[in-house]
Protein backbone atom coordinates (compact mmCIF):
# COMPACT_ATOMS: atom_id res chain seq x y z
CA MET A 1 31.44 18.64 -6.39
CA ARG A 2 29.27 15.79 -7.55
CA PRO A 3 31.11 12.70 -8.81
CA ALA A 4 31.04 12.03 -12.52
CA ARG A 5 28.30 9.69 -13.63
CA ARG A 6 28.54 6.87 -16.08
CA THR A 7 25.31 7.74 -17.86
CA THR A 8 23.36 5.96 -20.52
CA LEU A 9 25.03 8.17 -23.12
CA SER A 10 28.53 6.93 -22.23
CA ILE A 11 27.27 3.36 -22.02
CA LEU A 12 25.73 3.62 -25.46
CA LEU A 13 28.93 5.02 -26.91
CA THR A 14 31.00 2.24 -25.36
CA ALA A 15 28.60 -0.44 -26.54
CA GLY A 16 28.74 1.08 -30.02
CA LEU A 17 32.36 -0.01 -30.58
CA LEU A 18 31.34 -2.98 -32.71
CA TRP A 19 33.59 -5.03 -34.95
CA ALA A 20 32.54 -5.68 -38.54
CA GLY A 21 32.80 -9.08 -40.20
CA HIS A 22 35.21 -11.41 -38.36
CA GLY A 23 36.89 -8.62 -36.43
CA ALA A 24 39.43 -7.24 -38.91
CA THR A 25 38.02 -3.75 -39.26
CA PRO A 26 36.56 -1.78 -36.39
CA ALA A 27 33.29 0.00 -37.05
CA VAL A 28 32.74 3.55 -35.90
CA ALA A 29 31.01 4.13 -32.59
CA LEU A 30 27.24 4.25 -32.91
CA GLU A 31 25.89 7.59 -31.74
CA PRO A 32 22.57 7.50 -29.91
CA ALA A 33 19.59 9.13 -31.56
CA PRO A 34 19.56 12.90 -30.94
CA GLY A 35 16.46 12.62 -28.79
CA VAL A 36 18.04 9.96 -26.59
CA ALA A 37 21.22 11.98 -26.07
CA ASP A 38 19.08 14.99 -25.23
CA LEU A 39 17.08 12.92 -22.71
CA VAL A 40 20.24 11.66 -21.02
CA ALA A 41 21.65 15.16 -20.68
CA ASP A 42 18.40 16.49 -19.26
CA ILE A 43 17.97 13.75 -16.64
CA ASP A 44 21.60 14.23 -15.64
CA GLN A 45 20.85 17.92 -15.15
CA ILE A 46 17.76 17.15 -13.05
CA LEU A 47 19.73 14.79 -10.84
CA ALA A 48 22.42 17.42 -10.30
CA ASP A 49 20.10 19.00 -7.70
CA ALA A 50 22.09 19.92 -4.59
CA ARG A 51 19.65 18.07 -2.33
CA LEU A 52 20.94 14.81 -3.79
CA THR A 53 24.61 15.58 -3.10
CA PRO A 54 24.69 13.52 0.12
CA ALA A 55 21.97 11.16 -1.07
CA ARG A 56 21.71 8.06 -3.23
CA ALA A 57 19.81 8.27 -6.50
CA GLY A 58 18.95 5.35 -8.76
CA VAL A 59 17.12 5.87 -12.06
CA ALA A 60 16.34 3.54 -14.95
CA VAL A 61 14.34 4.21 -18.13
CA ARG A 62 13.56 1.68 -20.85
CA SER A 63 11.47 1.46 -23.97
CA ALA A 64 8.43 -0.69 -23.21
CA THR A 65 8.29 -2.02 -26.75
CA SER A 66 11.92 -2.99 -27.36
CA GLY A 67 13.35 -3.09 -23.83
CA GLU A 68 16.09 -0.68 -24.94
CA ARG A 69 17.79 1.06 -22.03
CA LEU A 70 17.43 4.80 -22.56
CA TYR A 71 18.89 5.96 -19.25
CA THR A 72 20.48 4.47 -16.16
CA GLN A 73 22.18 5.80 -13.09
CA ASP A 74 23.00 3.24 -10.42
CA GLY A 75 20.26 1.11 -11.92
CA GLY A 76 21.73 -2.06 -10.46
CA LYS A 77 22.15 -0.74 -6.92
CA ILE A 78 19.87 -1.97 -4.16
CA LEU A 79 17.85 0.93 -2.75
CA THR A 80 15.06 1.26 -0.21
CA PRO A 81 11.85 1.30 -2.28
CA ALA A 82 9.24 2.27 0.34
CA SER A 83 5.83 1.58 -1.22
CA ASN A 84 7.31 0.71 -4.60
CA ALA A 85 7.50 -2.74 -3.01
CA LYS A 86 3.75 -2.93 -3.59
CA LEU A 87 4.41 -3.24 -7.33
CA VAL A 88 5.90 -6.65 -6.60
CA THR A 89 3.32 -7.71 -4.02
CA SER A 90 0.28 -6.71 -6.06
CA ALA A 91 1.57 -8.41 -9.20
CA ALA A 92 2.40 -11.60 -7.30
CA ALA A 93 -1.11 -11.55 -5.80
CA ALA A 94 -2.68 -11.25 -9.24
CA GLU A 95 -0.54 -14.15 -10.45
CA HIS A 96 -0.91 -16.52 -7.50
CA LEU A 97 -4.38 -15.69 -6.19
CA GLY A 98 -6.06 -14.58 -9.42
CA LEU A 99 -8.25 -11.57 -10.04
CA ASP A 100 -11.35 -13.51 -8.96
CA PHE A 101 -9.93 -14.24 -5.50
CA ARG A 102 -12.23 -13.31 -2.62
CA PHE A 103 -11.85 -13.42 1.15
CA THR A 104 -14.54 -15.22 3.15
CA THR A 105 -15.74 -14.58 6.70
CA SER A 106 -17.93 -17.34 8.06
CA VAL A 107 -20.14 -18.08 11.04
CA LEU A 108 -20.39 -21.77 11.96
CA SER A 109 -21.97 -23.73 14.77
CA ALA A 110 -20.64 -26.70 16.69
CA GLY A 111 -23.28 -28.40 18.78
CA ARG A 112 -26.94 -29.34 18.67
CA ARG A 113 -29.91 -27.17 17.84
CA ALA A 114 -32.86 -27.35 20.21
CA GLY A 115 -35.47 -24.97 18.95
CA SER A 116 -33.98 -21.48 19.03
CA ALA A 117 -31.08 -22.58 21.24
CA LEU A 118 -27.66 -23.68 20.04
CA THR A 119 -26.19 -26.03 22.62
CA GLY A 120 -22.52 -25.53 21.92
CA ASP A 121 -20.18 -22.91 20.53
CA LEU A 122 -20.62 -20.37 17.75
CA TYR A 123 -17.52 -19.77 15.59
CA LEU A 124 -16.51 -16.64 13.71
CA ARG A 125 -13.87 -17.68 11.15
CA GLY A 126 -11.87 -15.23 9.03
CA THR A 127 -9.42 -15.46 6.16
CA GLY A 128 -8.02 -11.92 6.35
CA ASP A 129 -10.72 -9.83 4.68
CA PRO A 130 -9.62 -6.17 5.07
CA THR A 131 -12.93 -4.91 3.70
CA MET A 132 -15.00 -6.09 6.68
CA LEU A 133 -16.85 -3.16 8.22
CA ALA A 134 -18.94 -3.06 11.38
CA ALA A 135 -21.98 -3.15 9.07
CA ASP A 136 -20.75 -6.43 7.61
CA TYR A 137 -20.46 -8.02 11.04
CA ASP A 138 -23.94 -6.70 11.74
CA ALA A 139 -25.22 -8.37 8.55
CA LEU A 140 -23.66 -11.67 9.61
CA ALA A 141 -25.34 -11.36 13.01
CA ALA A 142 -28.67 -10.65 11.30
CA ARG A 143 -28.30 -13.87 9.32
CA VAL A 144 -27.61 -15.82 12.52
CA ALA A 145 -30.86 -14.44 13.94
CA ALA A 146 -32.68 -15.19 10.68
CA ALA A 147 -31.50 -18.79 10.97
CA GLY A 148 -33.60 -19.00 14.13
CA ILE A 149 -30.81 -18.95 16.71
CA ARG A 150 -31.70 -16.88 19.75
CA THR A 151 -29.48 -18.39 22.43
CA VAL A 152 -25.95 -19.81 22.27
CA THR A 153 -25.26 -21.80 25.41
CA GLY A 154 -21.55 -22.05 24.66
CA ARG A 155 -18.89 -19.55 23.70
CA LEU A 156 -18.31 -17.18 20.83
CA VAL A 157 -15.04 -18.48 19.40
CA ALA A 158 -12.92 -16.26 17.17
CA ASP A 159 -11.02 -18.36 14.63
CA ASP A 160 -8.11 -16.44 13.12
CA THR A 161 -5.99 -19.53 12.43
CA TRP A 162 -5.97 -18.98 8.66
CA PHE A 163 -2.91 -16.80 9.35
CA ASP A 164 -0.24 -17.21 11.99
CA ALA A 165 -0.24 -15.13 15.15
CA VAL A 166 2.58 -12.76 14.13
CA ARG A 167 0.90 -9.38 14.06
CA LEU A 168 3.65 -6.94 13.03
CA GLY A 169 6.13 -7.10 10.17
CA THR A 170 9.85 -7.67 10.48
CA ASP A 171 11.82 -4.43 11.01
CA TRP A 172 8.72 -2.33 11.60
CA SER A 173 9.44 0.56 13.95
CA TRP A 174 7.76 0.32 17.35
CA ASP A 175 6.78 3.98 17.27
CA ASP A 176 4.73 3.42 14.11
CA GLU A 177 2.55 0.89 15.90
CA PRO A 178 -0.28 3.27 16.98
CA TYR A 179 -0.73 4.66 13.47
CA TYR A 180 -3.20 3.07 11.09
CA TYR A 181 -0.66 2.63 8.28
CA ALA A 182 1.11 0.10 10.55
CA GLY A 183 -1.93 -1.83 11.75
CA GLN A 184 -1.63 -5.36 13.10
CA ILE A 185 -2.31 -8.23 10.70
CA SER A 186 -4.89 -10.88 11.53
CA ALA A 187 -7.19 -13.24 9.68
CA LEU A 188 -10.04 -11.58 11.59
CA THR A 189 -10.06 -7.80 11.37
CA ALA A 190 -12.25 -4.78 10.65
CA SER A 191 -11.96 -1.42 8.92
CA PRO A 192 -13.68 1.82 9.91
CA ASP A 193 -14.56 3.04 6.40
CA THR A 194 -14.24 2.21 2.72
CA ASP A 195 -10.57 3.10 2.55
CA TYR A 196 -10.38 -0.30 4.28
CA ASP A 197 -7.61 0.50 6.75
CA ALA A 198 -7.80 -2.86 8.47
CA GLY A 199 -7.33 -2.98 12.21
CA SER A 200 -8.04 0.68 12.87
CA VAL A 201 -10.71 2.92 14.36
CA ILE A 202 -11.50 6.57 13.64
CA VAL A 203 -11.44 8.64 16.84
CA SER A 204 -13.39 11.90 16.48
CA VAL A 205 -12.85 14.83 18.83
CA ALA A 206 -15.34 17.73 18.91
CA PRO A 207 -15.74 20.87 21.06
CA GLY A 208 -17.61 20.53 24.33
CA ASP A 209 -20.41 22.70 25.66
CA ALA A 210 -18.22 25.70 26.50
CA ALA A 211 -14.64 26.93 26.54
CA GLY A 212 -12.58 24.99 29.01
CA ARG A 213 -15.09 22.14 29.15
CA PRO A 214 -14.06 18.57 28.17
CA ALA A 215 -14.04 17.76 24.49
CA LYS A 216 -16.56 15.25 23.14
CA VAL A 217 -15.12 12.01 21.82
CA SER A 218 -16.71 9.35 19.62
CA THR A 219 -15.44 6.48 17.52
CA THR A 220 -16.22 5.00 14.12
CA PRO A 221 -17.38 2.34 14.44
CA GLU A 222 -18.87 2.67 17.90
CA THR A 223 -16.88 0.31 20.06
CA GLY A 224 -15.97 -0.26 23.66
CA TYR A 225 -12.86 -2.15 22.60
CA LEU A 226 -10.79 1.01 22.98
CA LYS A 227 -10.47 2.71 26.35
CA ILE A 228 -10.67 6.48 25.85
CA ASP A 229 -8.62 8.64 28.22
CA ASN A 230 -9.96 12.06 27.28
CA ARG A 231 -7.97 14.99 28.65
CA ALA A 232 -8.70 17.38 25.77
CA VAL A 233 -10.66 20.57 26.40
CA THR A 234 -12.64 23.02 24.31
CA GLY A 235 -10.56 25.99 23.20
CA THR A 236 -10.17 28.66 20.54
CA THR A 237 -7.77 26.62 18.42
CA THR A 238 -7.49 22.96 17.48
CA ASP A 239 -4.25 21.39 18.62
CA VAL A 240 -5.10 17.81 19.52
CA LEU A 241 -2.97 14.71 20.01
CA VAL A 242 -4.75 11.35 19.74
CA GLU A 243 -2.46 8.41 20.39
CA ARG A 244 -2.88 4.81 21.44
CA ARG A 245 -0.47 4.01 24.22
CA HIS A 246 2.10 1.41 23.26
CA GLY A 247 1.02 -2.17 23.92
CA THR A 248 -2.47 -1.22 25.12
CA ASN A 249 -5.89 -0.29 23.80
CA THR A 250 -5.92 2.93 25.78
CA VAL A 251 -6.20 6.03 23.59
CA LEU A 252 -4.94 9.20 25.24
CA ILE A 253 -6.41 12.46 23.93
CA THR A 254 -4.83 15.76 24.95
CA GLY A 255 -4.82 19.37 23.78
CA THR A 256 -7.51 21.81 22.75
CA VAL A 257 -10.24 21.58 20.13
CA ALA A 258 -12.24 24.34 18.45
CA ASP A 259 -13.36 22.39 15.38
CA GLY A 260 -14.05 18.74 14.73
CA TYR A 261 -10.91 16.59 14.42
CA ASP A 262 -10.53 12.96 13.31
CA GLU A 263 -7.62 10.61 13.84
CA TRP A 264 -7.20 7.03 12.61
CA VAL A 265 -5.60 4.78 15.24
CA THR A 266 -4.82 1.08 15.27
CA VAL A 267 -6.19 -1.42 17.75
CA ASP A 268 -4.12 -3.89 19.70
CA ASP A 269 -5.26 -7.38 18.62
CA PRO A 270 -7.64 -7.03 15.64
CA THR A 271 -9.07 -10.49 16.32
CA GLY A 272 -10.49 -9.39 19.64
CA TYR A 273 -11.73 -6.18 18.04
CA ALA A 274 -13.59 -8.04 15.27
CA ALA A 275 -15.07 -10.49 17.75
CA SER A 276 -16.29 -7.64 19.95
CA LEU A 277 -18.04 -6.00 16.98
CA PHE A 278 -19.71 -9.30 16.08
CA ARG A 279 -20.77 -10.06 19.65
CA THR A 280 -22.33 -6.61 20.01
CA ALA A 281 -24.12 -7.11 16.69
CA LEU A 282 -25.48 -10.48 17.82
CA SER A 283 -26.93 -8.86 20.93
CA ARG A 284 -28.45 -6.10 18.84
CA HIS A 285 -30.26 -8.74 16.76
CA GLY A 286 -31.53 -10.61 19.79
CA VAL A 287 -28.95 -13.41 19.90
CA ARG A 288 -27.62 -14.09 23.42
CA VAL A 289 -24.25 -15.77 23.83
CA LEU A 290 -24.03 -17.16 27.35
CA GLY A 291 -20.37 -18.13 27.24
CA ARG A 292 -17.31 -15.94 27.02
CA THR A 293 -15.44 -14.88 23.89
CA ALA A 294 -12.58 -17.29 23.21
CA ARG A 295 -10.00 -18.14 20.53
CA GLY A 296 -9.62 -21.40 18.66
CA ALA A 297 -9.86 -23.34 15.43
CA THR A 298 -13.25 -24.28 14.05
CA PRO A 299 -13.77 -28.04 14.38
CA SER A 300 -14.24 -30.09 11.26
CA GLY A 301 -17.86 -30.80 10.62
CA ALA A 302 -19.09 -27.48 12.02
CA ALA A 303 -22.30 -26.39 10.36
CA ALA A 304 -22.35 -23.23 8.26
CA VAL A 305 -24.72 -20.54 9.50
CA ALA A 306 -23.71 -17.44 7.51
CA GLU A 307 -20.97 -16.28 5.20
CA ARG A 308 -19.75 -13.03 3.72
CA ARG A 309 -17.53 -12.90 0.63
CA SER A 310 -15.45 -9.84 -0.15
CA MET A 311 -15.12 -7.98 -3.41
CA PRO A 312 -12.77 -9.76 -5.84
CA LEU A 313 -9.08 -8.93 -5.94
CA SER A 314 -9.66 -7.12 -9.24
CA GLU A 315 -11.64 -4.49 -7.28
CA LEU A 316 -9.55 -4.53 -4.11
CA LEU A 317 -6.48 -3.61 -6.14
CA VAL A 318 -7.92 -0.11 -6.56
CA PRO A 319 -7.95 1.05 -2.91
CA PHE A 320 -4.84 -1.05 -2.29
CA MET A 321 -2.68 0.57 -4.94
CA LYS A 322 -4.31 3.97 -5.41
CA LEU A 323 -4.22 4.71 -1.68
CA SER A 324 -1.06 2.68 -0.98
CA ASN A 325 -2.68 0.57 1.73
CA ASN A 326 -0.01 -1.23 3.74
CA MET A 327 -2.38 -3.64 5.42
CA HIS A 328 -3.74 -4.90 2.11
CA ALA A 329 -0.19 -5.70 1.03
CA GLU A 330 0.60 -7.72 4.15
CA ILE A 331 -2.73 -9.56 4.16
CA LEU A 332 -2.16 -10.51 0.53
CA VAL A 333 1.36 -11.76 1.31
CA LYS A 334 -0.01 -14.09 3.98
CA SER A 335 -2.83 -15.14 1.65
CA ILE A 336 -0.28 -16.01 -1.03
CA GLY A 337 1.63 -18.07 1.52
CA ARG A 338 -1.55 -19.90 2.45
CA LYS A 339 -2.39 -20.58 -1.20
CA VAL A 340 1.10 -21.64 -2.35
CA SER A 341 2.50 -23.39 0.74
CA GLY A 342 -0.47 -23.94 3.03
CA ALA A 343 0.98 -21.51 5.57
CA GLY A 344 -0.46 -18.07 6.20
CA THR A 345 2.86 -16.57 7.21
CA TRP A 346 5.09 -13.76 6.04
CA SER A 347 7.94 -16.18 5.34
CA ALA A 348 5.85 -18.45 3.11
CA GLY A 349 4.22 -15.56 1.28
CA LEU A 350 7.42 -13.61 0.74
CA ALA A 351 9.17 -16.70 -0.61
CA ALA A 352 6.48 -16.96 -3.28
CA VAL A 353 6.55 -13.23 -3.99
CA THR A 354 10.32 -13.28 -4.38
CA SER A 355 10.26 -16.29 -6.70
CA PHE A 356 7.63 -14.58 -8.84
CA ALA A 357 9.72 -11.41 -9.10
CA GLN A 358 12.89 -13.32 -9.98
CA ALA A 359 11.04 -15.15 -12.75
CA ASN A 360 9.67 -11.89 -14.13
CA GLY A 361 12.52 -9.50 -14.80
CA MET A 362 13.70 -8.75 -11.26
CA PRO A 363 16.65 -11.01 -10.39
CA THR A 364 17.89 -8.96 -7.44
CA LEU A 365 15.60 -8.05 -4.54
CA ARG A 366 15.13 -8.33 -0.80
CA MET A 367 11.57 -8.42 0.53
CA ARG A 368 11.05 -8.30 4.30
CA ASP A 369 7.38 -7.38 4.03
CA GLY A 370 4.83 -6.75 1.31
CA SER A 371 4.17 -3.04 1.80
CA GLY A 372 7.63 -1.47 1.87
CA LEU A 373 7.23 -0.31 5.46
CA SER A 374 10.45 -2.14 6.33
CA ARG A 375 13.60 -0.13 5.71
CA VAL A 376 15.45 -3.37 4.98
CA ASP A 377 13.44 -3.99 1.81
CA GLY A 378 15.65 -3.60 -1.24
CA LEU A 379 14.92 -3.28 -4.96
CA THR A 380 16.98 -2.03 -7.89
CA PRO A 381 15.70 0.45 -10.50
CA ASP A 382 16.81 -1.96 -13.24
CA GLY A 383 14.88 -4.76 -11.58
CA VAL A 384 11.74 -2.66 -11.23
CA THR A 385 11.79 -1.71 -14.92
CA GLY A 386 12.43 -5.35 -15.80
CA LEU A 387 9.34 -6.35 -13.83
CA LEU A 388 7.25 -3.57 -15.38
CA LEU A 389 8.22 -4.84 -18.83
CA ALA A 390 7.45 -8.47 -18.00
CA LEU A 391 4.03 -7.68 -16.56
CA ARG A 392 2.82 -6.26 -19.87
CA SER A 393 2.46 -9.81 -21.21
CA LYS A 394 0.32 -11.06 -18.31
CA PRO A 395 -3.37 -11.70 -19.05
CA TRP A 396 -4.31 -9.73 -15.93
CA PHE A 397 -2.09 -6.75 -16.81
CA PRO A 398 -4.90 -4.35 -17.93
CA THR A 399 -6.67 -4.68 -14.59
CA TRP A 400 -3.44 -4.38 -12.61
CA TYR A 401 -2.29 -1.39 -14.68
CA GLY A 402 -5.63 0.28 -14.00
CA SER A 403 -4.94 0.13 -10.27
CA LEU A 404 -1.87 2.36 -10.51
CA PRO A 405 -2.22 6.02 -9.47
CA VAL A 406 -2.63 8.42 -12.39
CA ALA A 407 -0.77 11.73 -12.33
CA GLY A 408 -2.97 14.78 -11.88
CA ALA A 409 -6.31 12.90 -11.87
CA ALA A 410 -8.44 14.67 -9.26
CA ASP A 411 -10.64 11.70 -8.36
CA ARG A 412 -9.07 10.08 -5.33
CA LEU A 413 -9.70 6.55 -6.59
CA ILE A 414 -8.14 7.34 -9.96
CA GLY A 415 -5.29 9.70 -9.14
CA GLY A 416 -4.62 8.14 -5.77
CA THR A 417 -1.29 9.23 -4.34
CA LEU A 418 -0.50 11.10 -7.58
CA ARG A 419 -3.70 13.14 -7.72
CA SER A 420 -2.01 16.39 -6.67
CA ARG A 421 1.11 15.95 -8.77
CA MET A 422 2.11 16.95 -12.31
CA ARG A 423 -1.16 18.73 -13.02
CA GLY A 424 -1.17 20.85 -16.15
CA THR A 425 1.84 19.05 -17.64
CA PRO A 426 2.25 16.42 -20.40
CA ALA A 427 2.53 13.84 -17.61
CA ALA A 428 -1.01 14.50 -16.30
CA GLY A 429 -3.31 11.61 -17.22
CA ASN A 430 -0.28 9.97 -18.82
CA VAL A 431 1.96 8.75 -15.99
CA HIS A 432 0.58 5.62 -14.32
CA ALA A 433 2.96 4.88 -11.47
CA LYS A 434 3.40 3.75 -7.89
CA THR A 435 4.67 6.23 -5.35
CA GLY A 436 6.74 5.45 -2.28
CA SER A 437 7.46 7.64 0.74
CA MET A 438 9.16 7.38 4.10
CA THR A 439 11.38 9.81 5.93
CA GLY A 440 14.52 10.06 3.80
CA VAL A 441 13.06 7.84 1.05
CA THR A 442 10.97 8.62 -2.01
CA SER A 443 10.34 6.59 -5.13
CA LEU A 444 8.24 6.66 -8.27
CA SER A 445 8.07 3.81 -10.79
CA GLY A 446 5.68 3.02 -13.60
CA TYR A 447 4.63 3.74 -17.15
CA VAL A 448 4.53 6.83 -19.36
CA THR A 449 4.01 7.47 -23.07
CA GLY A 450 6.47 9.75 -24.86
CA ALA A 451 5.61 12.60 -27.19
CA ASP A 452 5.79 10.34 -30.26
CA GLY A 453 3.59 7.66 -28.74
CA GLU A 454 6.42 5.41 -27.57
CA PRO A 455 5.57 3.64 -24.28
CA LEU A 456 8.28 3.78 -21.63
CA VAL A 457 8.87 2.21 -18.23
CA PHE A 458 10.84 3.98 -15.53
CA SER A 459 11.95 3.67 -11.94
CA ILE A 460 13.24 6.49 -9.73
CA MET A 461 14.47 5.82 -6.19
CA LEU A 462 15.97 8.56 -4.01
CA ASN A 463 17.39 7.58 -0.64
CA GLN A 464 19.09 9.25 2.31
CA TYR A 465 18.44 12.88 1.48
CA LEU A 466 18.56 15.09 4.53
CA SER A 467 15.48 17.31 4.36
CA GLY A 468 12.38 17.85 2.29
CA ALA A 469 11.05 15.05 0.10
CA PRO A 470 12.46 15.77 -3.39
CA LYS A 471 9.34 14.52 -5.15
CA ASP A 472 9.62 17.45 -7.53
CA ILE A 473 12.74 15.76 -8.92
CA GLU A 474 10.72 12.62 -9.62
CA ASP A 475 8.04 14.72 -11.27
CA LYS A 476 10.54 16.61 -13.38
CA ILE A 477 11.93 13.33 -14.74
CA ALA A 478 8.45 11.91 -15.37
CA ILE A 479 7.39 15.07 -17.21
CA ARG A 480 10.56 14.98 -19.28
CA LEU A 481 9.79 11.37 -20.25
CA ALA A 482 6.29 12.40 -21.30
CA ARG A 483 7.94 14.89 -23.67
CA PHE A 484 10.50 12.39 -24.97
CA SER A 485 10.98 12.16 -28.73
CA ARG A 486 13.75 10.26 -30.46
CA THR A 487 13.96 12.88 -33.18
CA ALA A 488 13.21 16.19 -31.50
CA PRO A 489 14.91 17.78 -28.46
CA ALA A 490 12.78 19.03 -25.59
CA GLU A 491 13.42 22.09 -23.50
CA ILE A 492 14.02 21.03 -19.91
CA SER A 493 13.30 24.55 -18.71
CA ALA A 494 9.71 24.29 -19.95
CA VAL A 495 8.59 22.92 -16.57
CA PRO A 496 9.64 24.68 -13.34
CA LEU A 497 11.41 22.17 -11.09
CA ARG A 498 9.99 23.35 -7.79
CA GLU A 499 6.36 23.63 -8.84
CA THR A 500 5.62 20.13 -10.05
CA ALA A 501 5.15 18.55 -6.63
CA SER A 502 4.17 21.43 -4.40
CA ASN A 503 2.70 20.63 -1.00
CA VAL A 504 3.40 16.91 -1.31
CA PRO A 505 3.97 15.56 2.22
CA GLU A 506 6.83 13.34 3.32
CA LEU A 507 4.52 10.37 3.84
CA GLU A 508 2.22 8.84 1.23
CA CYS A 509 -0.57 11.37 0.84
CA SER A 510 -3.18 8.77 1.73
CA TRP A 511 -1.25 8.14 4.96
CA SER A 512 -1.55 11.78 6.04
CA LYS A 513 -5.09 11.49 7.36
CA PRO A 514 -7.19 13.38 8.13
CA VAL A 515 -5.63 15.58 5.45
CA ARG A 516 -6.70 14.28 2.03
CA CYS A 517 -4.31 15.37 -0.72
């Protein structure tokens, strides 16, 4: 039997025992509006799902206009948020960095020019730009050639000192390391496509010339930085495993392939990867570097040769939040640390992120990273709704709000991780919210407008369930909020519980590549 809950309804009744005048005559208890009582009863019924019996469930709902608490269950309890942590990180980035913030990647020279020769070193300096593609490194190399440099007598020096050398977040699981959603963080990095999964490469496996023959393997971008150990063969079915071996850049490919198959894998040491792309591009444009590739800080007084500036943060927020990009979150945390404290570290960045959250409606939190990949991260549903309320007054709120996934919107860069959910319901096109998913953890927090036009904020965090991500429970609550009216009851049975989140995977849907939900 489930334990009795102290719901919003009981809280409202208790709070309604007010004393009139100077306390001589007690007033009658204030009953909540019929629509509120109906909402409380319905959410209680949704949360009575047997899958939550051994689990922890925290839910908070508030009016966005008045701040009134309409529902709470364990709203003050610290729960694992998964990618709901990105609500905090993205908002802190907008506040501290500004929507006009851009990353820069620069090429500089240290030495003398003698005709087409640079006597000295050529430096590639990064500040963490996750949107750098192989084509962008090629464009930088083309500008070096256009500047008249044909020979570099010294080294190609990769300068990633804008951030520290800590590549992986605290508490990250070692077995996540090969997968692109847990890529290493560096001030010099590269992405394979415009999802901007920094520090990763797409490995493509295709059938060979005949059954039983070796599969064909290629990478995007083309790179020799990974060592491919191809043991896959052509077969009648596709059952392929592509995995980078722990602590190496060797990618082992096994199984059979009948149709083309793509897998996104991380690289070990993104700095070396980015430098290799740039060095290859220099050669392609006729620039010879006689020295080796090295690491180091660019000396003061180095001359600028070429520079590439990223899209502004206002635009980067879209792939970051819609597709729940972990690497963007961590790069922004270190960028915040660099801006606020002069240190591109997780500790400096997270201190600023935490202070921002505490000053904006979220007094209780624990942030161990910026993405929510750490299972030690902790937020409370009450704190999340408090933050969501506070952000509405920020001048950058409209842009930030526009980066949230939109329920049921088919376009991947509008619906994001909610594009397959709540379609054909009052929540479709209405719920703007951040998802969160890890094994045993799911969360959904954001904004929704009720049936009478009242804006609401909500946070749902479900932890420690045993099997099957209960995202349909989140959807059921969100749909019920979209039908909320203070004056009219709503039939909870109008939306089937099990059909609102069908085929939603355990991980964030954007993390389930190559499947695109």
